[in-house]
Amino acid sequence: MTPQLLELEGTWEEILTHASELAGHRVRVTVISDSEPIPSPEESFRQAWREIKTGKVRPVSELWEGIDAE
């Protein structure tokens, strides 16, 4: 049976709040560079919306029109 994996993401201080759950278990830690912060889902959506509004990307409807034409 495959062991169930628990994935946690956050600052070190946020991860430490789970110390009692993780005690006695093997863990893997990956440090993510602060120079490239991971945007929240909300910020990713806002950025994509700004790009669509300014014409930096094509709306999906235009992409489908091109696919349907072929």
N, C-alpha and C. Protein backbone atom coordinates (compact mmCIF):
# COMPACT_ATOMS: atom_id res chain seq x y z
N MET A 1 0.84 -1.17 0.00
CA MET A 1 0.00 0.00 0.00
C MET A 1 0.89 1.24 0.00
N THR A 2 0.58 2.21 -0.85
CA THR A 2 1.36 3.43 -0.96
C THR A 2 1.06 4.35 0.23
N PRO A 3 2.11 4.85 0.88
CA PRO A 3 1.85 5.76 2.01
C PRO A 3 1.21 7.06 1.52
N GLN A 4 0.35 7.61 2.36
CA GLN A 4 -0.31 8.86 2.01
C GLN A 4 0.65 10.01 2.22
N LEU A 5 0.76 10.91 1.23
CA LEU A 5 1.65 12.05 1.33
C LEU A 5 0.89 13.28 1.79
N LEU A 6 1.52 14.07 2.62
CA LEU A 6 0.97 15.33 3.08
C LEU A 6 1.89 16.42 2.56
N GLU A 7 1.36 17.37 1.80
CA GLU A 7 2.17 18.45 1.26
C GLU A 7 1.80 19.75 1.96
N LEU A 8 2.80 20.40 2.52
CA LEU A 8 2.60 21.67 3.21
C LEU A 8 3.44 22.73 2.50
N GLU A 9 2.91 23.94 2.41
CA GLU A 9 3.68 25.04 1.83
C GLU A 9 3.43 26.27 2.66
N GLY A 10 4.46 27.04 2.89
CA GLY A 10 4.35 28.26 3.66
C GLY A 10 5.71 28.68 4.16
N THR A 11 5.74 29.67 5.03
CA THR A 11 7.00 30.08 5.63
C THR A 11 7.42 29.03 6.65
N TRP A 12 8.69 29.09 7.06
CA TRP A 12 9.17 28.13 8.04
C TRP A 12 8.33 28.19 9.31
N GLU A 13 7.98 29.40 9.71
CA GLU A 13 7.17 29.56 10.91
C GLU A 13 5.79 28.90 10.75
N GLU A 14 5.22 28.99 9.57
CA GLU A 14 3.92 28.34 9.31
C GLU A 14 4.06 26.82 9.32
N ILE A 15 5.16 26.32 8.77
CA ILE A 15 5.39 24.87 8.77
C ILE A 15 5.58 24.36 10.20
N LEU A 16 6.27 25.14 11.02
CA LEU A 16 6.52 24.71 12.40
C LEU A 16 5.23 24.54 13.21
N THR A 17 4.16 25.20 12.81
CA THR A 17 2.90 25.02 13.54
C THR A 17 2.37 23.59 13.39
N HIS A 18 2.92 22.82 12.45
CA HIS A 18 2.52 21.42 12.21
C HIS A 18 3.51 20.44 12.83
N ALA A 19 4.40 20.94 13.68
CA ALA A 19 5.47 20.10 14.23
C ALA A 19 4.93 18.86 14.93
N SER A 20 3.84 18.99 15.69
CA SER A 20 3.32 17.82 16.41
C SER A 20 2.79 16.76 15.44
N GLU A 21 2.23 17.19 14.31
CA GLU A 21 1.73 16.23 13.31
C GLU A 21 2.88 15.50 12.62
N LEU A 22 4.01 16.20 12.46
CA LEU A 22 5.14 15.66 11.70
C LEU A 22 6.14 14.90 12.56
N ALA A 23 6.02 15.02 13.87
CA ALA A 23 6.97 14.36 14.78
C ALA A 23 7.00 12.86 14.50
N GLY A 24 8.21 12.32 14.35
CA GLY A 24 8.39 10.90 14.12
C GLY A 24 8.27 10.47 12.67
N HIS A 25 7.93 11.40 11.78
CA HIS A 25 7.80 11.08 10.35
C HIS A 25 9.00 11.61 9.58
N ARG A 26 9.29 10.96 8.47
CA ARG A 26 10.31 11.47 7.56
C ARG A 26 9.69 12.64 6.80
N VAL A 27 10.48 13.69 6.60
CA VAL A 27 10.00 14.86 5.86
C VAL A 27 11.03 15.27 4.82
N ARG A 28 10.59 15.99 3.82
CA ARG A 28 11.47 16.56 2.81
C ARG A 28 11.18 18.06 2.79
N VAL A 29 12.23 18.86 2.84
CA VAL A 29 12.07 20.32 2.84
C VAL A 29 12.69 20.87 1.57
N THR A 30 11.94 21.69 0.84
CA THR A 30 12.44 22.39 -0.32
C THR A 30 12.34 23.88 -0.03
N VAL A 31 13.46 24.59 -0.10
CA VAL A 31 13.45 26.02 0.16
C VAL A 31 13.26 26.73 -1.17
N ILE A 32 12.22 27.57 -1.23
CA ILE A 32 11.90 28.32 -2.44
C ILE A 32 12.52 29.70 -2.32
N SER A 33 13.21 30.12 -3.35
CA SER A 33 13.88 31.42 -3.34
C SER A 33 12.89 32.56 -3.14
N ASP A 34 13.27 33.50 -2.28
CA ASP A 34 12.43 34.68 -2.07
C ASP A 34 12.49 35.65 -3.24
N SER A 35 13.49 35.49 -4.11
CA SER A 35 13.60 36.43 -5.24
C SER A 35 12.47 36.23 -6.25
N GLU A 36 11.85 35.07 -6.26
CA GLU A 36 10.74 34.80 -7.16
C GLU A 36 9.55 34.29 -6.34
N PRO A 37 8.82 35.22 -5.70
CA PRO A 37 7.69 34.78 -4.89
C PRO A 37 6.61 34.11 -5.74
N ILE A 38 5.98 33.11 -5.16
CA ILE A 38 4.90 32.42 -5.84
C ILE A 38 3.62 33.22 -5.62
N PRO A 39 2.99 33.68 -6.71
CA PRO A 39 1.77 34.47 -6.53
C PRO A 39 0.62 33.61 -6.04
N SER A 40 -0.28 34.24 -5.32
CA SER A 40 -1.47 33.54 -4.86
C SER A 40 -2.36 33.26 -6.07
N PRO A 41 -3.29 32.31 -5.96
CA PRO A 41 -4.21 32.07 -7.08
C PRO A 41 -4.97 33.34 -7.47
N GLU A 42 -5.34 34.14 -6.48
CA GLU A 42 -6.06 35.38 -6.78
C GLU A 42 -5.19 36.34 -7.59
N GLU A 43 -3.92 36.48 -7.20
CA GLU A 43 -3.02 37.37 -7.92
C GLU A 43 -2.74 36.84 -9.33
N SER A 44 -2.62 35.52 -9.48
CA SER A 44 -2.42 34.94 -10.81
C SER A 44 -3.60 35.26 -11.72
N PHE A 45 -4.82 35.17 -11.17
CA PHE A 45 -6.01 35.48 -11.95
C PHE A 45 -6.01 36.96 -12.34
N ARG A 46 -5.70 37.84 -11.37
CA ARG A 46 -5.68 39.27 -11.66
C ARG A 46 -4.67 39.61 -12.74
N GLN A 47 -3.48 39.00 -12.67
CA GLN A 47 -2.43 39.24 -13.67
C GLN A 47 -2.90 38.77 -15.04
N ALA A 48 -3.48 37.60 -15.12
CA ALA A 48 -3.98 37.10 -16.41
C ALA A 48 -5.07 38.01 -16.96
N TRP A 49 -5.94 38.49 -16.08
CA TRP A 49 -7.03 39.39 -16.51
C TRP A 49 -6.45 40.69 -17.06
N ARG A 50 -5.42 41.25 -16.39
CA ARG A 50 -4.78 42.48 -16.87
C ARG A 50 -4.16 42.26 -18.24
N GLU A 51 -3.52 41.11 -18.42
CA GLU A 51 -2.90 40.81 -19.71
C GLU A 51 -3.95 40.68 -20.81
N ILE A 52 -5.07 40.09 -20.51
CA ILE A 52 -6.14 39.97 -21.50
C ILE A 52 -6.67 41.35 -21.86
N LYS A 53 -6.92 42.18 -20.85
CA LYS A 53 -7.48 43.51 -21.08
C LYS A 53 -6.54 44.40 -21.87
N THR A 54 -5.23 44.23 -21.72
CA THR A 54 -4.27 45.07 -22.43
C THR A 54 -3.82 44.46 -23.75
N GLY A 55 -4.39 43.32 -24.10
CA GLY A 55 -4.07 42.69 -25.39
C GLY A 55 -2.76 41.93 -25.41
N LYS A 56 -2.17 41.65 -24.25
CA LYS A 56 -0.92 40.91 -24.21
C LYS A 56 -1.12 39.43 -24.52
N VAL A 57 -2.31 38.94 -24.30
CA VAL A 57 -2.65 37.56 -24.63
C VAL A 57 -3.98 37.56 -25.37
N ARG A 58 -4.20 36.51 -26.12
CA ARG A 58 -5.45 36.41 -26.87
C ARG A 58 -6.49 35.68 -26.05
N PRO A 59 -7.73 36.15 -26.08
CA PRO A 59 -8.80 35.45 -25.37
C PRO A 59 -8.98 34.04 -25.91
N VAL A 60 -9.43 33.15 -25.06
CA VAL A 60 -9.65 31.75 -25.46
C VAL A 60 -10.62 31.67 -26.63
N SER A 61 -11.63 32.56 -26.66
CA SER A 61 -12.60 32.53 -27.75
C SER A 61 -11.91 32.72 -29.10
N GLU A 62 -10.90 33.58 -29.17
CA GLU A 62 -10.17 33.77 -30.42
C GLU A 62 -9.36 32.53 -30.77
N LEU A 63 -8.79 31.89 -29.77
CA LEU A 63 -8.03 30.68 -30.04
C LEU A 63 -8.93 29.58 -30.58
N TRP A 64 -10.15 29.43 -30.01
CA TRP A 64 -11.08 28.42 -30.49
C TRP A 64 -11.50 28.72 -31.92
N GLU A 65 -11.70 30.01 -32.27
CA GLU A 65 -12.07 30.38 -33.63
C GLU A 65 -11.01 29.91 -34.61
N GLY A 66 -9.74 30.07 -34.23
CA GLY A 66 -8.64 29.62 -35.10
C GLY A 66 -8.62 28.12 -35.23
N ILE A 67 -8.92 27.41 -34.18
CA ILE A 67 -8.94 25.94 -34.22
C ILE A 67 -10.10 25.47 -35.08
N ASP A 68 -11.28 26.10 -34.90
CA ASP A 68 -12.45 25.70 -35.67
C ASP A 68 -12.29 25.96 -37.16
N ALA A 69 -11.50 26.97 -37.54
CA ALA A 69 -11.30 27.32 -38.94
C ALA A 69 -10.47 26.27 -39.68
N GLU A 70 -9.65 25.54 -38.93
CA GLU A 70 -8.76 24.54 -39.57
C GLU A 70 -9.50 23.31 -39.86
